[in-house]
Structure formats: C-alpha cells, structure tokens
Amino acid sequence: MGTENAAGLRAYQQQNYAEAETHFRRAFRQAEEFGELDARLLSTINNLAAVQYAEGNYASAEQLYRRALSIWRRLWTDARK
C-alpha cells in the first residue's frame, strides 16, 4: 500500500491525475484489508478525493471527502475514550 500511495502522491504533484488515480485506487484496495477504521484507509480515501476534485469530478470528490470525514470522526471519538 505504501508504495502505491507514494507513487500516487508523486503523480499528483506532477499533475498527472490519471496516473495518480490508478495508484490511489490500488492503494485503496489494499488499505481496505486493514479495516474501515484504519488511518491508512482514511489517507487513501482523502488522496482519491483530492484527485477527483483536481479533475473536476466534484460530486465524487465530495462523496469521498464525506467518507474520509466520517472515518476521521470515528477514529477521533474512539481515541478520546
């Protein structure tokens, strides 16, 4: 997951959004194996949302950002218990 995410970040920084999306989607599939409340999944979803936003896919970006926010809230709530 780490190498896919890192490759996605490099492509994103170079504004190669199609390549970034490919890497982030692979990282997403790998991160899902760690569970819904894993920070790696949260990070990957957020990265995918950023790509969608950069490509002008605002509805998709919003959906992903909302999912990331939901996970973050649950992680934060669990951490405070």
N, C-alpha and C. Protein backbone atom coordinates (compact mmCIF):
# COMPACT_ATOMS: atom_id res chain seq x y z
N MET A 1 0.81 -1.19 0.00
CA MET A 1 0.00 0.00 0.00
C MET A 1 0.86 1.25 0.00
N GLY A 2 1.91 1.24 0.79
CA GLY A 2 2.77 2.41 0.91
C GLY A 2 3.40 2.84 -0.40
N THR A 3 3.85 1.87 -1.20
CA THR A 3 4.49 2.24 -2.46
C THR A 3 3.47 2.77 -3.46
N GLU A 4 2.27 2.21 -3.47
CA GLU A 4 1.22 2.72 -4.37
C GLU A 4 0.82 4.13 -3.98
N ASN A 5 0.67 4.35 -2.68
CA ASN A 5 0.29 5.67 -2.20
C ASN A 5 1.38 6.69 -2.53
N ALA A 6 2.63 6.32 -2.31
CA ALA A 6 3.75 7.22 -2.60
C ALA A 6 3.82 7.52 -4.10
N ALA A 7 3.62 6.53 -4.93
CA ALA A 7 3.63 6.74 -6.38
C ALA A 7 2.46 7.65 -6.79
N GLY A 8 1.32 7.46 -6.14
CA GLY A 8 0.18 8.32 -6.41
C GLY A 8 0.45 9.76 -6.04
N LEU A 9 1.10 9.97 -4.91
CA LEU A 9 1.43 11.33 -4.48
C LEU A 9 2.40 12.00 -5.45
N ARG A 10 3.39 11.23 -5.92
CA ARG A 10 4.34 11.80 -6.90
C ARG A 10 3.61 12.21 -8.18
N ALA A 11 2.74 11.33 -8.67
CA ALA A 11 2.00 11.64 -9.89
C ALA A 11 1.08 12.83 -9.67
N TYR A 12 0.45 12.90 -8.50
CA TYR A 12 -0.45 14.02 -8.19
C TYR A 12 0.33 15.34 -8.19
N GLN A 13 1.50 15.33 -7.57
CA GLN A 13 2.32 16.55 -7.51
C GLN A 13 2.75 17.00 -8.90
N GLN A 14 2.86 16.06 -9.82
CA GLN A 14 3.23 16.38 -11.20
C GLN A 14 1.99 16.66 -12.06
N GLN A 15 0.84 16.71 -11.42
CA GLN A 15 -0.45 16.95 -12.06
C GLN A 15 -0.81 15.88 -13.09
N ASN A 16 -0.30 14.68 -12.89
CA ASN A 16 -0.65 13.54 -13.72
C ASN A 16 -1.76 12.79 -12.97
N TYR A 17 -2.96 13.34 -13.07
CA TYR A 17 -4.06 12.87 -12.23
C TYR A 17 -4.55 11.47 -12.60
N ALA A 18 -4.50 11.12 -13.87
CA ALA A 18 -4.93 9.77 -14.26
C ALA A 18 -4.02 8.71 -13.63
N GLU A 19 -2.72 8.95 -13.69
CA GLU A 19 -1.78 8.01 -13.08
C GLU A 19 -1.94 8.00 -11.56
N ALA A 20 -2.12 9.17 -10.98
CA ALA A 20 -2.31 9.27 -9.53
C ALA A 20 -3.54 8.47 -9.10
N GLU A 21 -4.61 8.62 -9.85
CA GLU A 21 -5.84 7.90 -9.52
C GLU A 21 -5.63 6.39 -9.57
N THR A 22 -4.92 5.93 -10.58
CA THR A 22 -4.64 4.49 -10.70
C THR A 22 -3.91 3.98 -9.46
N HIS A 23 -2.87 4.70 -9.04
CA HIS A 23 -2.10 4.28 -7.87
C HIS A 23 -2.94 4.35 -6.59
N PHE A 24 -3.71 5.44 -6.45
CA PHE A 24 -4.53 5.59 -5.24
C PHE A 24 -5.62 4.52 -5.17
N ARG A 25 -6.17 4.13 -6.31
CA ARG A 25 -7.19 3.08 -6.29
C ARG A 25 -6.58 1.74 -5.88
N ARG A 26 -5.37 1.47 -6.33
CA ARG A 26 -4.69 0.24 -5.90
C ARG A 26 -4.41 0.29 -4.39
N ALA A 27 -3.93 1.44 -3.94
CA ALA A 27 -3.66 1.61 -2.51
C ALA A 27 -4.95 1.47 -1.70
N PHE A 28 -6.05 1.98 -2.24
CA PHE A 28 -7.35 1.89 -1.59
C PHE A 28 -7.76 0.43 -1.40
N ARG A 29 -7.64 -0.37 -2.46
CA ARG A 29 -8.00 -1.79 -2.36
C ARG A 29 -7.15 -2.50 -1.31
N GLN A 30 -5.88 -2.14 -1.23
CA GLN A 30 -5.00 -2.74 -0.24
C GLN A 30 -5.36 -2.26 1.17
N ALA A 31 -5.66 -0.98 1.30
CA ALA A 31 -5.95 -0.39 2.61
C ALA A 31 -7.26 -0.91 3.18
N GLU A 32 -8.20 -1.27 2.32
CA GLU A 32 -9.48 -1.81 2.79
C GLU A 32 -9.29 -3.07 3.63
N GLU A 33 -8.23 -3.80 3.35
CA GLU A 33 -7.96 -5.03 4.09
C GLU A 33 -7.63 -4.76 5.56
N PHE A 34 -7.23 -3.52 5.89
CA PHE A 34 -6.88 -3.18 7.26
C PHE A 34 -8.11 -2.79 8.09
N GLY A 35 -9.24 -2.62 7.44
CA GLY A 35 -10.46 -2.28 8.17
C GLY A 35 -10.86 -0.83 7.97
N GLU A 36 -12.14 -0.59 8.20
CA GLU A 36 -12.74 0.73 7.97
C GLU A 36 -12.14 1.83 8.85
N LEU A 37 -11.69 1.48 10.03
CA LEU A 37 -11.20 2.49 10.95
C LEU A 37 -9.67 2.55 11.00
N ASP A 38 -9.04 2.27 9.90
CA ASP A 38 -7.58 2.31 9.81
C ASP A 38 -7.15 3.63 9.16
N ALA A 39 -6.17 4.27 9.73
CA ALA A 39 -5.70 5.57 9.23
C ALA A 39 -5.18 5.47 7.80
N ARG A 40 -4.68 4.32 7.40
CA ARG A 40 -4.18 4.16 6.02
C ARG A 40 -5.34 4.25 5.03
N LEU A 41 -6.47 3.69 5.39
CA LEU A 41 -7.65 3.80 4.53
C LEU A 41 -8.11 5.25 4.46
N LEU A 42 -8.14 5.91 5.59
CA LEU A 42 -8.53 7.32 5.65
C LEU A 42 -7.65 8.17 4.73
N SER A 43 -6.36 7.97 4.82
CA SER A 43 -5.41 8.73 3.99
C SER A 43 -5.63 8.48 2.50
N THR A 44 -5.82 7.23 2.16
CA THR A 44 -6.02 6.87 0.75
C THR A 44 -7.32 7.44 0.20
N ILE A 45 -8.38 7.38 0.99
CA ILE A 45 -9.65 7.95 0.55
C ILE A 45 -9.50 9.46 0.34
N ASN A 46 -8.81 10.11 1.24
CA ASN A 46 -8.59 11.54 1.12
C ASN A 46 -7.78 11.87 -0.14
N ASN A 47 -6.77 11.05 -0.43
CA ASN A 47 -5.97 11.27 -1.63
C ASN A 47 -6.80 11.07 -2.90
N LEU A 48 -7.64 10.06 -2.91
CA LEU A 48 -8.53 9.83 -4.05
C LEU A 48 -9.47 11.02 -4.24
N ALA A 49 -9.97 11.54 -3.14
CA ALA A 49 -10.87 12.71 -3.21
C ALA A 49 -10.15 13.90 -3.82
N ALA A 50 -8.91 14.10 -3.44
CA ALA A 50 -8.13 15.23 -3.98
C ALA A 50 -7.97 15.10 -5.49
N VAL A 51 -7.72 13.90 -5.97
CA VAL A 51 -7.60 13.67 -7.41
C VAL A 51 -8.92 13.95 -8.11
N GLN A 52 -10.00 13.44 -7.54
CA GLN A 52 -11.32 13.67 -8.14
C GLN A 52 -11.61 15.17 -8.22
N TYR A 53 -11.29 15.88 -7.18
CA TYR A 53 -11.51 17.32 -7.16
C TYR A 53 -10.65 18.01 -8.23
N ALA A 54 -9.39 17.63 -8.30
CA ALA A 54 -8.48 18.24 -9.29
C ALA A 54 -8.95 17.98 -10.71
N GLU A 55 -9.60 16.84 -10.94
CA GLU A 55 -10.11 16.50 -12.27
C GLU A 55 -11.48 17.12 -12.55
N GLY A 56 -12.03 17.81 -11.55
CA GLY A 56 -13.33 18.45 -11.74
C GLY A 56 -14.51 17.54 -11.46
N ASN A 57 -14.25 16.38 -10.88
CA ASN A 57 -15.32 15.44 -10.51
C ASN A 57 -15.77 15.75 -9.08
N TYR A 58 -16.47 16.88 -8.94
CA TYR A 58 -16.77 17.41 -7.62
C TYR A 58 -17.72 16.53 -6.81
N ALA A 59 -18.70 15.94 -7.46
CA ALA A 59 -19.64 15.09 -6.72
C ALA A 59 -18.92 13.86 -6.16
N SER A 60 -18.05 13.26 -6.96
CA SER A 60 -17.28 12.11 -6.50
C SER A 60 -16.33 12.52 -5.38
N ALA A 61 -15.68 13.66 -5.55
CA ALA A 61 -14.76 14.16 -4.52
C ALA A 61 -15.51 14.40 -3.21
N GLU A 62 -16.69 15.00 -3.30
CA GLU A 62 -17.46 15.26 -2.09
C GLU A 62 -17.82 13.96 -1.37
N GLN A 63 -18.25 12.98 -2.13
CA GLN A 63 -18.62 11.69 -1.52
C GLN A 63 -17.42 11.08 -0.80
N LEU A 64 -16.26 11.11 -1.43
CA LEU A 64 -15.06 10.56 -0.82
C LEU A 64 -14.63 11.37 0.41
N TYR A 65 -14.69 12.71 0.30
CA TYR A 65 -14.34 13.55 1.45
C TYR A 65 -15.27 13.29 2.62
N ARG A 66 -16.57 13.10 2.34
CA ARG A 66 -17.52 12.80 3.41
C ARG A 66 -17.21 11.46 4.08
N ARG A 67 -16.82 10.49 3.27
CA ARG A 67 -16.45 9.18 3.85
C ARG A 67 -15.21 9.32 4.71
N ALA A 68 -14.23 10.06 4.22
CA ALA A 68 -13.00 10.28 5.00
C ALA A 68 -13.32 11.00 6.30
N LEU A 69 -14.18 12.00 6.25
CA LEU A 69 -14.55 12.73 7.45
C LEU A 69 -15.27 11.83 8.45
N SER A 70 -16.12 10.96 7.95
CA SER A 70 -16.83 10.02 8.82
C SER A 70 -15.85 9.10 9.55
N ILE A 71 -14.88 8.60 8.81
CA ILE A 71 -13.86 7.72 9.42
C ILE A 71 -13.05 8.51 10.44
N TRP A 72 -12.65 9.73 10.08
CA TRP A 72 -11.86 10.56 10.98
C TRP A 72 -12.62 10.81 12.28
N ARG A 73 -13.90 11.12 12.17
CA ARG A 73 -14.71 11.37 13.37
C ARG A 73 -14.77 10.13 14.26
N ARG A 74 -14.94 8.96 13.65
CA ARG A 74 -14.99 7.74 14.44
C ARG A 74 -13.65 7.43 15.08
N LEU A 75 -12.56 7.67 14.35
CA LEU A 75 -11.23 7.47 14.92
C LEU A 75 -11.00 8.42 16.08
N TRP A 76 -11.38 9.66 15.92
CA TRP A 76 -11.18 10.66 16.95
C TRP A 76 -12.02 10.34 18.19
N THR A 77 -13.26 9.90 17.98
CA THR A 77 -14.14 9.53 19.09
C THR A 77 -13.56 8.34 19.84
N ASP A 78 -13.10 7.33 19.11
CA ASP A 78 -12.52 6.15 19.75
C ASP A 78 -11.23 6.52 20.53
N ALA A 79 -10.46 7.43 19.99
CA ALA A 79 -9.21 7.83 20.63
C ALA A 79 -9.45 8.59 21.93
N ARG A 80 -10.58 9.25 22.01
CA ARG A 80 -10.88 10.05 23.20
C ARG A 80 -11.50 9.23 24.31
N LYS A 81 -11.87 7.98 24.04
CA LYS A 81 -12.50 7.14 25.07
C LYS A 81 -11.48 6.60 26.03
